[in-house]
């Protein structure tokens, strides 16, 4: 989508692609961070539950 959009607006091309790629990278990193955090939290809860019993 962005490639075709860039053909028409050469001036805006660099700015928009730079912004969207950065946004995608930020989104991917935040999703990964949340998933890792959740899995660590779940495993920690499981470990503490086992320790108590």
PDB file of N, CA and C in Angstrom:
ATOM      1  N   UNK A   1       0.834  -1.202   0.000  1.00  0.00           N
ATOM      2  CA  UNK A   1       0.000   0.000   0.000  1.00  0.00           C
ATOM      3  C   UNK A   1       0.873   1.258   0.000  1.00  0.00           C
ATOM      4  N   UNK A   2       1.830   1.308   0.903  1.00  0.00           N
ATOM      5  CA  UNK A   2       2.683   2.495   1.025  1.00  0.00           C
ATOM      6  C   UNK A   2       3.547   2.718  -0.217  1.00  0.00           C
ATOM      7  N   UNK A   3       3.939   1.618  -0.878  1.00  0.00           N
ATOM      8  CA  UNK A   3       4.768   1.749  -2.086  1.00  0.00           C
ATOM      9  C   UNK A   3       4.037   2.511  -3.190  1.00  0.00           C
ATOM     10  N   UNK A   4       2.776   2.142  -3.417  1.00  0.00           N
ATOM     11  CA  UNK A   4       1.980   2.800  -4.452  1.00  0.00           C
ATOM     12  C   UNK A   4       1.689   4.253  -4.084  1.00  0.00           C
ATOM     13  N   UNK A   5       1.442   4.473  -2.835  1.00  0.00           N
ATOM     14  CA  UNK A   5       1.176   5.820  -2.320  1.00  0.00           C
ATOM     15  C   UNK A   5       2.377   6.724  -2.545  1.00  0.00           C
ATOM     16  N   UNK A   6       3.584   6.151  -2.419  1.00  0.00           N
ATOM     17  CA  UNK A   6       4.814   6.919  -2.564  1.00  0.00           C
ATOM     18  C   UNK A   6       5.072   7.366  -4.007  1.00  0.00           C
ATOM     19  N   UNK A   7       4.629   6.587  -4.974  1.00  0.00           N
ATOM     20  CA  UNK A   7       4.872   6.908  -6.377  1.00  0.00           C
ATOM     21  C   UNK A   7       4.258   8.267  -6.740  1.00  0.00           C
ATOM     22  N   UNK A   8       3.056   8.514  -6.213  1.00  0.00           N
ATOM     23  CA  UNK A   8       2.353   9.771  -6.517  1.00  0.00           C
ATOM     24  C   UNK A   8       2.973  10.958  -5.775  1.00  0.00           C
ATOM     25  N   UNK A   9       3.319  10.757  -4.519  1.00  0.00           N
ATOM     26  CA  UNK A   9       3.835  11.863  -3.706  1.00  0.00           C
ATOM     27  C   UNK A   9       5.285  11.589  -3.326  1.00  0.00           C
ATOM     28  N   UNK A  10       6.190  11.929  -4.240  1.00  0.00           N
ATOM     29  CA  UNK A  10       7.609  11.677  -3.989  1.00  0.00           C
ATOM     30  C   UNK A  10       8.144  12.460  -2.786  1.00  0.00           C
ATOM     31  N   UNK A  11       7.653  13.679  -2.626  1.00  0.00           N
ATOM     32  CA  UNK A  11       8.100  14.525  -1.517  1.00  0.00           C
ATOM     33  C   UNK A  11       7.743  13.899  -0.170  1.00  0.00           C
ATOM     34  N   UNK A  12       6.499  13.409  -0.060  1.00  0.00           N
ATOM     35  CA  UNK A  12       6.006  12.845   1.188  1.00  0.00           C
ATOM     36  C   UNK A  12       6.492  11.417   1.422  1.00  0.00           C
ATOM     37  N   UNK A  13       6.949  10.768   0.374  1.00  0.00           N
ATOM     38  CA  UNK A  13       7.304   9.352   0.432  1.00  0.00           C
ATOM     39  C   UNK A  13       8.226   9.020   1.598  1.00  0.00           C
ATOM     40  N   UNK A  14       9.376   9.682   1.661  1.00  0.00           N
ATOM     41  CA  UNK A  14      10.368   9.371   2.685  1.00  0.00           C
ATOM     42  C   UNK A  14       9.805   9.563   4.092  1.00  0.00           C
ATOM     43  N   UNK A  15       9.124  10.683   4.303  1.00  0.00           N
ATOM     44  CA  UNK A  15       8.576  10.986   5.624  1.00  0.00           C
ATOM     45  C   UNK A  15       7.549   9.945   6.059  1.00  0.00           C
ATOM     46  N   UNK A  16       6.611   9.610   5.176  1.00  0.00           N
ATOM     47  CA  UNK A  16       5.545   8.674   5.543  1.00  0.00           C
ATOM     48  C   UNK A  16       6.088   7.270   5.773  1.00  0.00           C
ATOM     49  N   UNK A  17       6.968   6.805   4.888  1.00  0.00           N
ATOM     50  CA  UNK A  17       7.508   5.452   5.059  1.00  0.00           C
ATOM     51  C   UNK A  17       8.337   5.377   6.332  1.00  0.00           C
ATOM     52  N   UNK A  18       9.131   6.408   6.601  1.00  0.00           N
ATOM     53  CA  UNK A  18       9.944   6.455   7.818  1.00  0.00           C
ATOM     54  C   UNK A  18       9.049   6.385   9.045  1.00  0.00           C
ATOM     55  N   UNK A  19       7.983   7.180   9.031  1.00  0.00           N
ATOM     56  CA  UNK A  19       7.065   7.224  10.160  1.00  0.00           C
ATOM     57  C   UNK A  19       6.358   5.881  10.356  1.00  0.00           C
ATOM     58  N   UNK A  20       5.838   5.312   9.262  1.00  0.00           N
ATOM     59  CA  UNK A  20       5.094   4.055   9.378  1.00  0.00           C
ATOM     60  C   UNK A  20       5.999   2.917   9.823  1.00  0.00           C
ATOM     61  N   UNK A  21       7.225   2.848   9.293  1.00  0.00           N
ATOM     62  CA  UNK A  21       8.130   1.771   9.700  1.00  0.00           C
ATOM     63  C   UNK A  21       8.478   1.917  11.173  1.00  0.00           C
ATOM     64  N   UNK A  22       8.736   3.157  11.623  1.00  0.00           N
ATOM     65  CA  UNK A  22       9.023   3.385  13.038  1.00  0.00           C
ATOM     66  C   UNK A  22       7.831   2.995  13.900  1.00  0.00           C
ATOM     67  N   UNK A  23       6.638   3.349  13.454  1.00  0.00           N
ATOM     68  CA  UNK A  23       5.417   3.015  14.176  1.00  0.00           C
ATOM     69  C   UNK A  23       5.244   1.501  14.269  1.00  0.00           C
ATOM     70  N   UNK A  24       5.490   0.807  13.161  1.00  0.00           N
ATOM     71  CA  UNK A  24       5.390  -0.652  13.139  1.00  0.00           C
ATOM     72  C   UNK A  24       6.387  -1.279  14.095  1.00  0.00           C
ATOM     73  N   UNK A  25       7.636  -0.768  14.076  1.00  0.00           N
ATOM     74  CA  UNK A  25       8.680  -1.284  14.964  1.00  0.00           C
ATOM     75  C   UNK A  25       8.266  -1.083  16.423  1.00  0.00           C
ATOM     76  N   UNK A  26       7.763   0.103  16.740  1.00  0.00           N
ATOM     77  CA  UNK A  26       7.317   0.404  18.107  1.00  0.00           C
ATOM     78  C   UNK A  26       6.181  -0.536  18.503  1.00  0.00           C
ATOM     79  N   UNK A  27       5.214  -0.741  17.613  1.00  0.00           N
ATOM     80  CA  UNK A  27       4.091  -1.625  17.895  1.00  0.00           C
ATOM     81  C   UNK A  27       4.556  -3.052  18.136  1.00  0.00           C
ATOM     82  N   UNK A  28       5.439  -3.554  17.260  1.00  0.00           N
ATOM     83  CA  UNK A  28       5.959  -4.916  17.400  1.00  0.00           C
ATOM     84  C   UNK A  28       6.684  -5.071  18.732  1.00  0.00           C
ATOM     85  N   UNK A  29       7.547  -4.086  19.068  1.00  0.00           N
ATOM     86  CA  UNK A  29       8.297  -4.151  20.314  1.00  0.00           C
ATOM     87  C   UNK A  29       7.374  -4.127  21.527  1.00  0.00           C
ATOM     88  N   UNK A  30       6.353  -3.269  21.496  1.00  0.00           N
ATOM     89  CA  UNK A  30       5.426  -3.191  22.626  1.00  0.00           C
ATOM     90  C   UNK A  30       4.643  -4.490  22.788  1.00  0.00           C
ATOM     91  N   UNK A  31       4.217  -5.095  21.676  1.00  0.00           N
ATOM     92  CA  UNK A  31       3.495  -6.367  21.722  1.00  0.00           C
ATOM     93  C   UNK A  31       4.393  -7.461  22.310  1.00  0.00           C
ATOM     94  N   UNK A  32       5.633  -7.537  21.821  1.00  0.00           N
ATOM     95  CA  UNK A  32       6.588  -8.524  22.325  1.00  0.00           C
ATOM     96  C   UNK A  32       6.835  -8.303  23.819  1.00  0.00           C
ATOM     97  N   UNK A  33       7.034  -7.044  24.201  1.00  0.00           N
ATOM     98  CA  UNK A  33       7.275  -6.681  25.608  1.00  0.00           C
ATOM     99  C   UNK A  33       6.116  -7.124  26.494  1.00  0.00           C
ATOM    100  N   UNK A  34       4.879  -6.864  26.048  1.00  0.00           N
ATOM    101  CA  UNK A  34       3.684  -7.249  26.795  1.00  0.00           C
ATOM    102  C   UNK A  34       3.601  -8.770  26.920  1.00  0.00           C
ATOM    103  N   UNK A  35       3.839  -9.479  25.812  1.00  0.00           N
ATOM    104  CA  UNK A  35       3.765 -10.940  25.834  1.00  0.00           C
ATOM    105  C   UNK A  35       4.805 -11.539  26.778  1.00  0.00           C
ATOM    106  N   UNK A  36       6.040 -11.032  26.700  1.00  0.00           N
ATOM    107  CA  UNK A  36       7.109 -11.513  27.575  1.00  0.00           C
ATOM    108  C   UNK A  36       6.761 -11.224  29.038  1.00  0.00           C
ATOM    109  N   UNK A  37       6.289 -10.017  29.295  1.00  0.00           N
ATOM    110  CA  UNK A  37       5.900  -9.629  30.647  1.00  0.00           C
ATOM    111  C   UNK A  37       4.801 -10.523  31.196  1.00  0.00           C
ATOM    112  N   UNK A  38       3.786 -10.792  30.370  1.00  0.00           N
ATOM    113  CA  UNK A  38       2.687 -11.655  30.783  1.00  0.00           C
ATOM    114  C   UNK A  38       3.166 -13.071  31.085  1.00  0.00           C
ATOM    115  N   UNK A  39       3.973 -13.635  30.212  1.00  0.00           N
ATOM    116  CA  UNK A  39       4.461 -15.001  30.418  1.00  0.00           C
ATOM    117  C   UNK A  39       5.317 -15.098  31.677  1.00  0.00           C
ATOM    118  N   UNK A  40       6.171 -14.079  31.905  1.00  0.00           N
ATOM    119  CA  UNK A  40       7.005 -14.050  33.105  1.00  0.00           C
ATOM    120  C   UNK A  40       6.141 -13.938  34.357  1.00  0.00           C
ATOM    121  N   UNK A  41       5.116 -13.069  34.301  1.00  0.00           N
ATOM    122  CA  UNK A  41       4.213 -12.869  35.429  1.00  0.00           C
ATOM    123  C   UNK A  41       3.455 -14.159  35.753  1.00  0.00           C
ATOM    124  N   UNK A  42       2.962 -14.837  34.708  1.00  0.00           N
ATOM    125  CA  UNK A  42       2.225 -16.093  34.886  1.00  0.00           C
ATOM    126  C   UNK A  42       3.139 -17.153  35.500  1.00  0.00           C
ATOM    127  N   UNK A  43       4.342 -17.283  34.973  1.00  0.00           N
ATOM    128  CA  UNK A  43       5.274 -18.285  35.503  1.00  0.00           C
ATOM    129  C   UNK A  43       5.660 -17.968  36.948  1.00  0.00           C
ATOM    130  N   UNK A  44       5.811 -16.671  37.257  1.00  0.00           N
ATOM    131  CA  UNK A  44       6.128 -16.247  38.631  1.00  0.00           C
ATOM    132  C   UNK A  44       4.986 -16.583  39.577  1.00  0.00           C
ATOM    133  N   UNK A  45       3.749 -16.328  39.146  1.00  0.00           N
ATOM    134  CA  UNK A  45       2.571 -16.670  39.955  1.00  0.00           C
ATOM    135  C   UNK A  45       2.494 -18.167  40.181  1.00  0.00           C
ATOM    136  N   UNK A  46       2.749 -18.945  39.137  1.00  0.00           N
ATOM    137  CA  UNK A  46       2.733 -20.403  39.257  1.00  0.00           C
ATOM    138  C   UNK A  46       3.802 -20.878  40.241  1.00  0.00           C
ATOM    139  N   UNK A  47       4.981 -20.278  40.149  1.00  0.00           N
ATOM    140  CA  UNK A  47       6.098 -20.653  41.031  1.00  0.00           C
ATOM    141  C   UNK A  47       5.769 -20.332  42.489  1.00  0.00           C
ATOM    142  N   UNK A  48       5.203 -19.151  42.726  1.00  0.00           N
ATOM    143  CA  UNK A  48       4.856 -18.765  44.097  1.00  0.00           C
ATOM    144  C   UNK A  48       3.734 -19.643  44.638  1.00  0.00           C
ATOM    145  N   UNK A  49       2.788 -20.002  43.774  1.00  0.00           N
ATOM    146  CA  UNK A  49       1.678 -20.876  44.170  1.00  0.00           C
ATOM    147  C   UNK A  49       2.215 -22.243  44.596  1.00  0.00           C
ATOM    148  N   UNK A  50       3.160 -22.768  43.806  1.00  0.00           N
ATOM    149  CA  UNK A  50       3.761 -24.065  44.119  1.00  0.00           C
ATOM    150  C   UNK A  50       4.571 -23.986  45.410  1.00  0.00           C
ATOM    151  N   UNK A  51       5.270 -22.877  45.614  1.00  0.00           N
ATOM    152  CA  UNK A  51       6.096 -22.702  46.806  1.00  0.00           C
ATOM    153  C   UNK A  51       5.236 -22.683  48.077  1.00  0.00           C
ATOM    154  N   UNK A  52       4.075 -22.051  47.984  1.00  0.00           N
ATOM    155  CA  UNK A  52       3.169 -21.971  49.133  1.00  0.00           C
ATOM    156  C   UNK A  52       2.612 -23.348  49.500  1.00  0.00           C
ATOM    157  N   UNK A  53       2.300 -24.146  48.498  1.00  0.00           N
ATOM    158  CA  UNK A  53       1.683 -25.463  48.746  1.00  0.00           C
ATOM    159  C   UNK A  53       2.684 -26.528  49.168  1.00  0.00           C
TER     160      UNK A  53
END
